[in-house]
Amino acid sequence: MIHWHASCILGLCVTGRYRPLCSVIHCAPECRARAAFQRWADRYFDEPDHTLRMHAIWLLGAMLRK
């Protein structure tokens, strides 16, 4: 849970919305920086498509909160 809240705080600093940074990065336009972050996240968290998974979890939570 600490990773989730830390990521949301970073997302808040970057976008002004309480949203995980990995979800924000997943929705960003294709560029080298996005690809580099996705590769780093996949290695750091030891899972394929980490940003996609975090975005899917965030979307599911957003739908349930409505």
PDB file of N, CA and C in Angstrom:
ATOM      1  N   MET A   1       0.814  -1.199   0.000  1.00  0.00           N
ATOM      2  CA  MET A   1       0.000   0.000   0.000  1.00  0.00           C
ATOM      3  C   MET A   1       0.853   1.256   0.000  1.00  0.00           C
ATOM      4  N   ILE A   2       2.037   1.182   0.610  1.00  0.00           N
ATOM      5  CA  ILE A   2       2.883   2.365   0.662  1.00  0.00           C
ATOM      6  C   ILE A   2       3.286   2.789  -0.739  1.00  0.00           C
ATOM      7  N   HIS A   3       3.611   1.807  -1.616  1.00  0.00           N
ATOM      8  CA  HIS A   3       3.965   2.156  -2.992  1.00  0.00           C
ATOM      9  C   HIS A   3       2.803   2.866  -3.682  1.00  0.00           C
ATOM     10  N   TRP A   4       1.583   2.394  -3.453  1.00  0.00           N
ATOM     11  CA  TRP A   4       0.413   2.980  -4.099  1.00  0.00           C
ATOM     12  C   TRP A   4       0.234   4.438  -3.672  1.00  0.00           C
ATOM     13  N   HIS A   5       0.304   4.693  -2.385  1.00  0.00           N
ATOM     14  CA  HIS A   5       0.118   6.062  -1.888  1.00  0.00           C
ATOM     15  C   HIS A   5       1.257   6.975  -2.326  1.00  0.00           C
ATOM     16  N   ALA A   6       2.475   6.455  -2.315  1.00  0.00           N
ATOM     17  CA  ALA A   6       3.613   7.253  -2.776  1.00  0.00           C
ATOM     18  C   ALA A   6       3.457   7.592  -4.249  1.00  0.00           C
ATOM     19  N   SER A   7       3.010   6.629  -5.034  1.00  0.00           N
ATOM     20  CA  SER A   7       2.794   6.863  -6.458  1.00  0.00           C
ATOM     21  C   SER A   7       1.670   7.881  -6.677  1.00  0.00           C
ATOM     22  N   CYS A   8       0.624   7.796  -5.875  1.00  0.00           N
ATOM     23  CA  CYS A   8      -0.481   8.753  -5.986  1.00  0.00           C
ATOM     24  C   CYS A   8      -0.040  10.165  -5.608  1.00  0.00           C
ATOM     25  N   ILE A   9       0.809  10.282  -4.603  1.00  0.00           N
ATOM     26  CA  ILE A   9       1.318  11.597  -4.216  1.00  0.00           C
ATOM     27  C   ILE A   9       2.190  12.174  -5.319  1.00  0.00           C
ATOM     28  N   LEU A  10       3.021  11.345  -5.941  1.00  0.00           N
ATOM     29  CA  LEU A  10       3.812  11.808  -7.085  1.00  0.00           C
ATOM     30  C   LEU A  10       2.903  12.226  -8.232  1.00  0.00           C
ATOM     31  N   GLY A  11       1.867  11.442  -8.493  1.00  0.00           N
ATOM     32  CA  GLY A  11       0.899  11.800  -9.523  1.00  0.00           C
ATOM     33  C   GLY A  11       0.206  13.117  -9.213  1.00  0.00           C
ATOM     34  N   LEU A  12      -0.089  13.355  -7.935  1.00  0.00           N
ATOM     35  CA  LEU A  12      -0.697  14.608  -7.511  1.00  0.00           C
ATOM     36  C   LEU A  12       0.246  15.783  -7.769  1.00  0.00           C
ATOM     37  N   CYS A  13       1.520  15.581  -7.484  1.00  0.00           N
ATOM     38  CA  CYS A  13       2.507  16.644  -7.732  1.00  0.00           C
ATOM     39  C   CYS A  13       2.653  16.945  -9.216  1.00  0.00           C
ATOM     40  N   VAL A  14       2.572  15.921 -10.050  1.00  0.00           N
ATOM     41  CA  VAL A  14       2.775  16.099 -11.494  1.00  0.00           C
ATOM     42  C   VAL A  14       1.521  16.625 -12.184  1.00  0.00           C
ATOM     43  N   THR A  15       0.350  16.078 -11.830  1.00  0.00           N
ATOM     44  CA  THR A  15      -0.866  16.395 -12.583  1.00  0.00           C
ATOM     45  C   THR A  15      -1.902  17.196 -11.806  1.00  0.00           C
ATOM     46  N   GLY A  16      -1.775  17.244 -10.484  1.00  0.00           N
ATOM     47  CA  GLY A  16      -2.779  17.928  -9.680  1.00  0.00           C
ATOM     48  C   GLY A  16      -3.963  17.037  -9.331  1.00  0.00           C
ATOM     49  N   ARG A  17      -3.870  15.759  -9.686  1.00  0.00           N
ATOM     50  CA  ARG A  17      -4.919  14.787  -9.366  1.00  0.00           C
ATOM     51  C   ARG A  17      -4.305  13.640  -8.578  1.00  0.00           C
ATOM     52  N   TYR A  18      -5.034  13.123  -7.594  1.00  0.00           N
ATOM     53  CA  TYR A  18      -4.561  12.002  -6.788  1.00  0.00           C
ATOM     54  C   TYR A  18      -4.742  10.733  -7.610  1.00  0.00           C
ATOM     55  N   ARG A  19      -3.705  10.423  -8.386  1.00  0.00           N
ATOM     56  CA  ARG A  19      -3.736   9.293  -9.310  1.00  0.00           C
ATOM     57  C   ARG A  19      -2.332   8.706  -9.373  1.00  0.00           C
ATOM     58  N   PRO A  20      -2.190   7.385  -9.411  1.00  0.00           N
ATOM     59  CA  PRO A  20      -0.849   6.793  -9.430  1.00  0.00           C
ATOM     60  C   PRO A  20      -0.025   7.291 -10.622  1.00  0.00           C
ATOM     61  N   LEU A  21       1.231   7.565 -10.365  1.00  0.00           N
ATOM     62  CA  LEU A  21       2.117   8.057 -11.423  1.00  0.00           C
ATOM     63  C   LEU A  21       2.209   7.053 -12.569  1.00  0.00           C
ATOM     64  N   CYS A  22       2.215   5.776 -12.261  1.00  0.00           N
ATOM     65  CA  CYS A  22       2.301   4.755 -13.316  1.00  0.00           C
ATOM     66  C   CYS A  22       1.086   4.817 -14.238  1.00  0.00           C
ATOM     67  N   SER A  23      -0.079   5.113 -13.696  1.00  0.00           N
ATOM     68  CA  SER A  23      -1.280   5.269 -14.515  1.00  0.00           C
ATOM     69  C   SER A  23      -1.173   6.503 -15.400  1.00  0.00           C
ATOM     70  N   VAL A  24      -0.633   7.574 -14.841  1.00  0.00           N
ATOM     71  CA  VAL A  24      -0.436   8.804 -15.617  1.00  0.00           C
ATOM     72  C   VAL A  24       0.522   8.533 -16.768  1.00  0.00           C
ATOM     73  N   ILE A  25       1.619   7.850 -16.474  1.00  0.00           N
ATOM     74  CA  ILE A  25       2.617   7.536 -17.503  1.00  0.00           C
ATOM     75  C   ILE A  25       2.014   6.639 -18.574  1.00  0.00           C
ATOM     76  N   HIS A  26       1.197   5.684 -18.175  1.00  0.00           N
ATOM     77  CA  HIS A  26       0.582   4.775 -19.156  1.00  0.00           C
ATOM     78  C   HIS A  26      -0.287   5.550 -20.155  1.00  0.00           C
ATOM     79  N   CYS A  27      -0.947   6.615 -19.709  1.00  0.00           N
ATOM     80  CA  CYS A  27      -1.830   7.390 -20.577  1.00  0.00           C
ATOM     81  C   CYS A  27      -1.105   8.488 -21.352  1.00  0.00           C
ATOM     82  N   ALA A  28       0.155   8.697 -21.046  1.00  0.00           N
ATOM     83  CA  ALA A  28       0.927   9.733 -21.737  1.00  0.00           C
ATOM     84  C   ALA A  28       1.176   9.319 -23.192  1.00  0.00           C
ATOM     85  N   PRO A  29       1.381  10.297 -24.072  1.00  0.00           N
ATOM     86  CA  PRO A  29       1.691   9.965 -25.469  1.00  0.00           C
ATOM     87  C   PRO A  29       3.018   9.199 -25.579  1.00  0.00           C
ATOM     88  N   GLU A  30       3.117   8.379 -26.603  1.00  0.00           N
ATOM     89  CA  GLU A  30       4.343   7.615 -26.842  1.00  0.00           C
ATOM     90  C   GLU A  30       5.529   8.557 -27.021  1.00  0.00           C
ATOM     91  N   CYS A  31       6.585   8.302 -26.269  1.00  0.00           N
ATOM     92  CA  CYS A  31       7.836   9.042 -26.425  1.00  0.00           C
ATOM     93  C   CYS A  31       8.938   8.238 -25.754  1.00  0.00           C
ATOM     94  N   ARG A  32      10.165   8.668 -25.921  1.00  0.00           N
ATOM     95  CA  ARG A  32      11.290   7.933 -25.339  1.00  0.00           C
ATOM     96  C   ARG A  32      11.239   7.917 -23.822  1.00  0.00           C
ATOM     97  N   ALA A  33      10.855   9.041 -23.227  1.00  0.00           N
ATOM     98  CA  ALA A  33      10.799   9.113 -21.768  1.00  0.00           C
ATOM     99  C   ALA A  33       9.764   8.130 -21.218  1.00  0.00           C
ATOM    100  N   ARG A  34       8.608   8.041 -21.875  1.00  0.00           N
ATOM    101  CA  ARG A  34       7.567   7.106 -21.427  1.00  0.00           C
ATOM    102  C   ARG A  34       8.059   5.669 -21.553  1.00  0.00           C
ATOM    103  N   ALA A  35       8.670   5.345 -22.672  1.00  0.00           N
ATOM    104  CA  ALA A  35       9.186   3.990 -22.887  1.00  0.00           C
ATOM    105  C   ALA A  35      10.265   3.650 -21.869  1.00  0.00           C
ATOM    106  N   ALA A  36      11.132   4.615 -21.566  1.00  0.00           N
ATOM    107  CA  ALA A  36      12.192   4.383 -20.582  1.00  0.00           C
ATOM    108  C   ALA A  36      11.598   4.153 -19.194  1.00  0.00           C
ATOM    109  N   PHE A  37      10.595   4.948 -18.817  1.00  0.00           N
ATOM    110  CA  PHE A  37       9.958   4.765 -17.519  1.00  0.00           C
ATOM    111  C   PHE A  37       9.280   3.407 -17.447  1.00  0.00           C
ATOM    112  N   GLN A  38       8.602   3.007 -18.515  1.00  0.00           N
ATOM    113  CA  GLN A  38       7.919   1.712 -18.510  1.00  0.00           C
ATOM    114  C   GLN A  38       8.916   0.569 -18.372  1.00  0.00           C
ATOM    115  N   ARG A  39      10.053   0.645 -19.072  1.00  0.00           N
ATOM    116  CA  ARG A  39      11.073  -0.396 -18.932  1.00  0.00           C
ATOM    117  C   ARG A  39      11.616  -0.433 -17.507  1.00  0.00           C
ATOM    118  N   TRP A  40      11.881   0.757 -16.935  1.00  0.00           N
ATOM    119  CA  TRP A  40      12.391   0.823 -15.570  1.00  0.00           C
ATOM    120  C   TRP A  40      11.375   0.228 -14.589  1.00  0.00           C
ATOM    121  N   ALA A  41      10.107   0.592 -14.713  1.00  0.00           N
ATOM    122  CA  ALA A  41       9.066   0.096 -13.806  1.00  0.00           C
ATOM    123  C   ALA A  41       8.915  -1.414 -13.919  1.00  0.00           C
ATOM    124  N   ASP A  42       8.971  -1.938 -15.133  1.00  0.00           N
ATOM    125  CA  ASP A  42       8.865  -3.386 -15.321  1.00  0.00           C
ATOM    126  C   ASP A  42      10.007  -4.114 -14.616  1.00  0.00           C
ATOM    127  N   ARG A  43      11.216  -3.556 -14.705  1.00  0.00           N
ATOM    128  CA  ARG A  43      12.365  -4.176 -14.030  1.00  0.00           C
ATOM    129  C   ARG A  43      12.290  -3.975 -12.518  1.00  0.00           C
ATOM    130  N   TYR A  44      11.967  -2.774 -12.079  1.00  0.00           N
ATOM    131  CA  TYR A  44      11.947  -2.465 -10.644  1.00  0.00           C
ATOM    132  C   TYR A  44      10.897  -3.286  -9.905  1.00  0.00           C
ATOM    133  N   PHE A  45       9.702  -3.390 -10.467  1.00  0.00           N
ATOM    134  CA  PHE A  45       8.624  -4.119  -9.809  1.00  0.00           C
ATOM    135  C   PHE A  45       8.572  -5.581 -10.233  1.00  0.00           C
ATOM    136  N   ASP A  46       9.481  -5.980 -11.117  1.00  0.00           N
ATOM    137  CA  ASP A  46       9.615  -7.376 -11.553  1.00  0.00           C
ATOM    138  C   ASP A  46       8.302  -7.956 -12.068  1.00  0.00           C
ATOM    139  N   GLU A  47       7.664  -7.204 -12.973  1.00  0.00           N
ATOM    140  CA  GLU A  47       6.438  -7.685 -13.606  1.00  0.00           C
ATOM    141  C   GLU A  47       6.315  -7.044 -14.987  1.00  0.00           C
ATOM    142  N   PRO A  48       5.801  -7.784 -15.943  1.00  0.00           N
ATOM    143  CA  PRO A  48       5.615  -7.186 -17.266  1.00  0.00           C
ATOM    144  C   PRO A  48       4.411  -6.241 -17.268  1.00  0.00           C
ATOM    145  N   ASP A  49       4.498  -5.190 -18.045  1.00  0.00           N
ATOM    146  CA  ASP A  49       3.397  -4.223 -18.209  1.00  0.00           C
ATOM    147  C   ASP A  49       2.907  -3.651 -16.884  1.00  0.00           C
ATOM    148  N   HIS A  50       3.834  -3.213 -16.048  1.00  0.00           N
ATOM    149  CA  HIS A  50       3.476  -2.664 -14.736  1.00  0.00           C
ATOM    150  C   HIS A  50       2.556  -1.456 -14.863  1.00  0.00           C
ATOM    151  N   THR A  51       2.873  -0.525 -15.770  1.00  0.00           N
ATOM    152  CA  THR A  51       2.052   0.687 -15.876  1.00  0.00           C
ATOM    153  C   THR A  51       0.644   0.345 -16.358  1.00  0.00           C
ATOM    154  N   LEU A  52       0.523  -0.628 -17.237  1.00  0.00           N
ATOM    155  CA  LEU A  52      -0.805  -1.054 -17.703  1.00  0.00           C
ATOM    156  C   LEU A  52      -1.613  -1.636 -16.551  1.00  0.00           C
ATOM    157  N   ARG A  53      -0.977  -2.450 -15.725  1.00  0.00           N
ATOM    158  CA  ARG A  53      -1.673  -3.063 -14.584  1.00  0.00           C
ATOM    159  C   ARG A  53      -2.111  -2.002 -13.578  1.00  0.00           C
ATOM    160  N   MET A  54      -1.247  -1.052 -13.290  1.00  0.00           N
ATOM    161  CA  MET A  54      -1.601   0.013 -12.345  1.00  0.00           C
ATOM    162  C   MET A  54      -2.729   0.887 -12.903  1.00  0.00           C
ATOM    163  N   HIS A  55      -2.708   1.143 -14.206  1.00  0.00           N
ATOM    164  CA  HIS A  55      -3.777   1.928 -14.819  1.00  0.00           C
ATOM    165  C   HIS A  55      -5.109   1.174 -14.744  1.00  0.00           C
ATOM    166  N   ALA A  56      -5.076  -0.138 -14.997  1.00  0.00           N
ATOM    167  CA  ALA A  56      -6.299  -0.944 -14.935  1.00  0.00           C
ATOM    168  C   ALA A  56      -6.865  -0.959 -13.508  1.00  0.00           C
ATOM    169  N   ILE A  57      -6.000  -1.081 -12.506  1.00  0.00           N
ATOM    170  CA  ILE A  57      -6.456  -1.073 -11.116  1.00  0.00           C
ATOM    171  C   ILE A  57      -7.054   0.281 -10.769  1.00  0.00           C
ATOM    172  N   TRP A  58      -6.395   1.354 -11.196  1.00  0.00           N
ATOM    173  CA  TRP A  58      -6.903   2.696 -10.917  1.00  0.00           C
ATOM    174  C   TRP A  58      -8.267   2.910 -11.596  1.00  0.00           C
ATOM    175  N   LEU A  59      -8.421   2.466 -12.846  1.00  0.00           N
ATOM    176  CA  LEU A  59      -9.705   2.597 -13.547  1.00  0.00           C
ATOM    177  C   LEU A  59     -10.814   1.832 -12.828  1.00  0.00           C
ATOM    178  N   LEU A  60     -10.510   0.622 -12.409  1.00  0.00           N
ATOM    179  CA  LEU A  60     -11.491  -0.184 -11.694  1.00  0.00           C
ATOM    180  C   LEU A  60     -11.921   0.514 -10.406  1.00  0.00           C
ATOM    181  N   GLY A  61     -10.956   1.029  -9.659  1.00  0.00           N
ATOM    182  CA  GLY A  61     -11.275   1.759  -8.438  1.00  0.00           C
ATOM    183  C   GLY A  61     -12.101   3.005  -8.720  1.00  0.00           C
ATOM    184  N   ALA A  62     -11.776   3.720  -9.795  1.00  0.00           N
ATOM    185  CA  ALA A  62     -12.527   4.927 -10.164  1.00  0.00           C
ATOM    186  C   ALA A  62     -13.974   4.576 -10.507  1.00  0.00           C
ATOM    187  N   MET A  63     -14.170   3.455 -11.204  1.00  0.00           N
ATOM    188  CA  MET A  63     -15.529   3.044 -11.545  1.00  0.00           C
ATOM    189  C   MET A  63     -16.308   2.641 -10.300  1.00  0.00           C
ATOM    190  N   LEU A  64     -15.667   1.975  -9.356  1.00  0.00           N
ATOM    191  CA  LEU A  64     -16.352   1.555  -8.134  1.00  0.00           C
ATOM    192  C   LEU A  64     -16.685   2.719  -7.223  1.00  0.00           C
ATOM    193  N   ARG A  65     -15.876   3.781  -7.272  1.00  0.00           N
ATOM    194  CA  ARG A  65     -16.139   4.946  -6.422  1.00  0.00           C
ATOM    195  C   ARG A  65     -17.314   5.777  -6.925  1.00  0.00           C
ATOM    196  N   LYS A  66     -17.688   5.640  -8.171  1.00  0.00           N
ATOM    197  CA  LYS A  66     -18.803   6.419  -8.714  1.00  0.00           C
ATOM    198  C   LYS A  66     -20.128   5.840  -8.346  1.00  0.00           C
TER     199      LYS A  66
END
